[in-house]
Amino acid sequence: MMGLVGAGVSASLSLDVMERYKRMVEGGESFWEIVHEPFLARSLNRFQVQAIIKKGLQEVDGSYKALLPLFGISEADYHKFMDFLRHHQLKPMEHT
């Protein structure tokens, strides 16, 4: 059963995660509002945030810098973004 759960998670993103991703990428909303704040409020868990980051990295060929405009993050906040990911261990193990 555990293998099936893992396969399901990696095969497709949950509806909530996909909705949040679309709100950033297509709706122009900010990572800070859509992902950061809900994660700190424990409305999103680590695996959900990693799934969003992984999906974004797939879109930009693995470049964290290229995620900035995709996720509505200013260039000035690059280090803040990376520090947040590192501090909370949110960088996906693999992103290709």
Protein backbone atom coordinates (compact mmCIF):
# COMPACT_ATOMS: atom_id res chain seq x y z
CA MET A 1 0.00 0.00 0.00
CA MET A 2 2.79 2.44 0.81
CA GLY A 3 4.21 1.99 -2.70
CA LEU A 4 0.84 2.86 -4.22
CA VAL A 5 0.56 6.04 -2.19
CA GLY A 6 4.05 7.13 -3.23
CA ALA A 7 3.33 6.34 -6.87
CA GLY A 8 0.11 8.35 -6.75
CA VAL A 9 1.79 11.35 -5.22
CA SER A 10 4.63 11.40 -7.75
CA ALA A 11 2.35 10.65 -10.71
CA SER A 12 0.00 13.57 -10.14
CA LEU A 13 -0.25 16.58 -7.89
CA SER A 14 -3.19 16.88 -5.53
CA LEU A 15 -6.00 19.18 -6.57
CA ASP A 16 -5.10 21.76 -3.90
CA VAL A 17 -1.44 21.77 -4.92
CA MET A 18 -2.31 22.12 -8.62
CA GLU A 19 -4.72 24.95 -7.84
CA ARG A 20 -2.07 26.81 -5.86
CA TYR A 21 0.48 26.27 -8.63
CA LYS A 22 -1.96 27.62 -11.26
CA ARG A 23 -2.78 30.64 -9.10
CA MET A 24 0.90 31.59 -9.14
CA VAL A 25 1.82 30.66 -12.69
CA GLU A 26 -1.37 31.63 -14.52
CA GLY A 27 -3.00 34.00 -12.04
CA GLY A 28 0.04 36.06 -11.19
CA GLU A 29 -0.32 35.55 -7.44
CA SER A 30 2.79 35.47 -5.25
CA PHE A 31 4.54 32.46 -3.76
CA TRP A 32 4.64 34.35 -0.46
CA GLU A 33 0.83 34.46 -0.26
CA ILE A 34 -0.06 31.17 -1.94
CA VAL A 35 2.62 28.86 -0.50
CA HIS A 36 4.80 30.54 2.16
CA GLU A 37 2.04 31.84 4.45
CA PRO A 38 -0.12 28.68 4.28
CA PHE A 39 2.97 26.53 4.98
CA LEU A 40 3.85 28.58 8.06
CA ALA A 41 0.20 28.35 9.18
CA ARG A 42 0.39 24.57 8.64
CA SER A 43 -2.29 24.57 5.93
CA LEU A 44 0.29 23.09 3.56
CA ASN A 45 2.74 20.36 4.48
CA ARG A 46 6.34 19.86 3.38
CA PHE A 47 5.43 17.32 0.69
CA GLN A 48 2.87 19.68 -0.88
CA VAL A 49 5.37 22.54 -1.00
CA GLN A 50 8.03 20.23 -2.44
CA ALA A 51 5.54 19.11 -5.11
CA ILE A 52 4.90 22.74 -6.09
CA ILE A 53 8.64 23.50 -6.22
CA LYS A 54 9.34 20.33 -8.19
CA LYS A 55 6.61 21.14 -10.73
CA GLY A 56 8.05 24.62 -11.17
CA LEU A 57 11.59 23.30 -11.57
CA GLN A 58 10.39 20.93 -14.28
CA GLU A 59 8.95 23.92 -16.15
CA VAL A 60 12.21 25.91 -15.96
CA ASP A 61 14.73 23.10 -16.51
CA GLY A 62 15.85 22.96 -12.89
CA SER A 63 16.78 26.62 -12.34
CA TYR A 64 15.74 28.08 -8.99
CA LYS A 65 16.45 31.59 -10.35
CA ALA A 66 14.06 30.95 -13.23
CA LEU A 67 11.33 30.08 -10.69
CA LEU A 68 11.23 33.68 -9.49
CA PRO A 69 9.06 35.18 -12.25
CA LEU A 70 7.02 31.97 -12.50
CA PHE A 71 6.16 32.18 -8.79
CA GLY A 72 5.76 35.96 -8.60
CA ILE A 73 8.95 36.44 -6.55
CA SER A 74 11.10 39.53 -7.09
CA GLU A 75 14.79 39.18 -7.93
CA ALA A 76 15.54 40.95 -4.64
CA ASP A 77 13.86 38.10 -2.75
CA TYR A 78 15.94 35.30 -4.31
CA HIS A 79 18.05 34.77 -1.19
CA LYS A 80 14.98 34.96 1.06
CA PHE A 81 13.30 32.31 -1.12
CA MET A 82 16.32 29.99 -1.08
CA ASP A 83 16.84 30.49 2.68
CA PHE A 84 13.18 29.58 3.26
CA LEU A 85 13.55 26.38 1.22
CA ARG A 86 16.79 25.40 2.98
CA HIS A 87 15.61 26.28 6.49
CA HIS A 88 12.46 24.19 6.16
CA GLN A 89 14.12 21.43 4.10
CA LEU A 90 11.76 22.05 1.18
CA LYS A 91 14.10 21.55 -1.74
CA PRO A 92 12.87 18.50 -3.69
CA MET A 93 15.25 15.56 -3.61
CA GLU A 94 15.18 15.41 -7.39
CA HIS A 95 13.61 17.82 -9.81
CA THR A 96 13.99 16.29 -13.24
